[in-house]
Amino acid sequence: VASGSADATIKLWDVQTGECLKTLQPERPYERMNITNATGLTQAQKATLKALGAIETPA
């Protein structure tokens, strides 16, 4: 059985034992990329990059 979660992971379970066999995580190609001083990005583009793992530090 497979289950999905709000953290974007998918877990594969053994039906008989209830044991989690594997956890699948999506690639996050922009993980920890700092976009604080990036110019030319719209708010929508920044939101998308953040959803993919980018960070923006407060001023």
C-alpha atoms as a PDB file:
ATOM      1  CA  VAL A   1       0.000   0.000   0.000  1.00  0.00           C
ATOM      2  CA  ALA A   2       1.187   3.536  -0.724  1.00  0.00           C
ATOM      3  CA  SER A   3       0.305   6.673   1.232  1.00  0.00           C
ATOM      4  CA  GLY A   4       0.999  10.338   0.575  1.00  0.00           C
ATOM      5  CA  SER A   5       1.562  13.184   2.988  1.00  0.00           C
ATOM      6  CA  ALA A   6       1.425  16.993   3.059  1.00  0.00           C
ATOM      7  CA  ASP A   7       5.233  17.036   3.248  1.00  0.00           C
ATOM      8  CA  ALA A   8       5.242  15.620  -0.322  1.00  0.00           C
ATOM      9  CA  THR A   9       6.572  12.219   0.716  1.00  0.00           C
ATOM     10  CA  ILE A  10       5.151   8.883  -0.368  1.00  0.00           C
ATOM     11  CA  LYS A  11       5.479   5.870   1.908  1.00  0.00           C
ATOM     12  CA  LEU A  12       5.247   2.262   0.804  1.00  0.00           C
ATOM     13  CA  TRP A  13       3.858  -0.060   3.463  1.00  0.00           C
ATOM     14  CA  ASP A  14       3.841  -3.803   4.031  1.00  0.00           C
ATOM     15  CA  VAL A  15       0.150  -4.627   4.379  1.00  0.00           C
ATOM     16  CA  GLN A  16       0.700  -7.642   6.613  1.00  0.00           C
ATOM     17  CA  THR A  17       3.163  -6.135   9.096  1.00  0.00           C
ATOM     18  CA  GLY A  18       2.333  -2.423   8.907  1.00  0.00           C
ATOM     19  CA  GLU A  19       6.036  -1.749   8.397  1.00  0.00           C
ATOM     20  CA  CYS A  20       7.126   1.204   6.271  1.00  0.00           C
ATOM     21  CA  LEU A  21       9.222  -0.325   3.505  1.00  0.00           C
ATOM     22  CA  LYS A  22      10.381   2.837   1.790  1.00  0.00           C
ATOM     23  CA  THR A  23       9.904   6.603   1.866  1.00  0.00           C
ATOM     24  CA  LEU A  24      10.060   8.424  -1.451  1.00  0.00           C
ATOM     25  CA  GLN A  25      10.868  12.135  -1.518  1.00  0.00           C
ATOM     26  CA  PRO A  26      10.649  14.468  -4.500  1.00  0.00           C
ATOM     27  CA  GLU A  27      13.756  16.156  -5.816  1.00  0.00           C
ATOM     28  CA  ARG A  28      14.179  19.693  -4.556  1.00  0.00           C
ATOM     29  CA  PRO A  29      16.694  21.194  -6.999  1.00  0.00           C
ATOM     30  CA  TYR A  30      16.612  24.616  -5.340  1.00  0.00           C
ATOM     31  CA  GLU A  31      17.064  23.371  -1.761  1.00  0.00           C
ATOM     32  CA  ARG A  32      18.695  26.128   0.354  1.00  0.00           C
ATOM     33  CA  MET A  33      19.316  28.383  -2.678  1.00  0.00           C
ATOM     34  CA  ASN A  34      19.259  31.917  -1.249  1.00  0.00           C
ATOM     35  CA  ILE A  35      17.119  34.202  -3.430  1.00  0.00           C
ATOM     36  CA  THR A  36      17.169  37.171  -1.044  1.00  0.00           C
ATOM     37  CA  ASN A  37      18.985  39.550  -3.399  1.00  0.00           C
ATOM     38  CA  ALA A  38      17.743  38.056  -6.668  1.00  0.00           C
ATOM     39  CA  THR A  39      16.409  40.717  -9.020  1.00  0.00           C
ATOM     40  CA  GLY A  40      13.881  40.441 -11.819  1.00  0.00           C
ATOM     41  CA  LEU A  41      11.740  37.788 -10.125  1.00  0.00           C
ATOM     42  CA  THR A  42       8.003  38.226  -9.714  1.00  0.00           C
ATOM     43  CA  GLN A  43       6.345  37.323  -6.420  1.00  0.00           C
ATOM     44  CA  ALA A  44       4.874  34.258  -8.136  1.00  0.00           C
ATOM     45  CA  GLN A  45       8.326  33.128  -9.271  1.00  0.00           C
ATOM     46  CA  LYS A  46       9.716  33.638  -5.760  1.00  0.00           C
ATOM     47  CA  ALA A  47       6.837  31.617  -4.316  1.00  0.00           C
ATOM     48  CA  THR A  48       7.522  28.815  -6.784  1.00  0.00           C
ATOM     49  CA  LEU A  49      11.240  28.776  -5.982  1.00  0.00           C
ATOM     50  CA  LYS A  50      10.470  28.695  -2.248  1.00  0.00           C
ATOM     51  CA  ALA A  51       8.110  25.757  -2.798  1.00  0.00           C
ATOM     52  CA  LEU A  52      11.044  24.006  -4.482  1.00  0.00           C
ATOM     53  CA  GLY A  53      13.336  24.640  -1.501  1.00  0.00           C
ATOM     54  CA  ALA A  54      14.782  28.125  -2.031  1.00  0.00           C
ATOM     55  CA  ILE A  55      15.058  30.470   0.937  1.00  0.00           C
ATOM     56  CA  GLU A  56      14.657  34.211   1.342  1.00  0.00           C
ATOM     57  CA  THR A  57      15.989  35.826   4.508  1.00  0.00           C
ATOM     58  CA  PRO A  58      14.116  38.789   5.985  1.00  0.00           C
ATOM     59  CA  ALA A  59      15.684  42.214   5.504  1.00  0.00           C
END
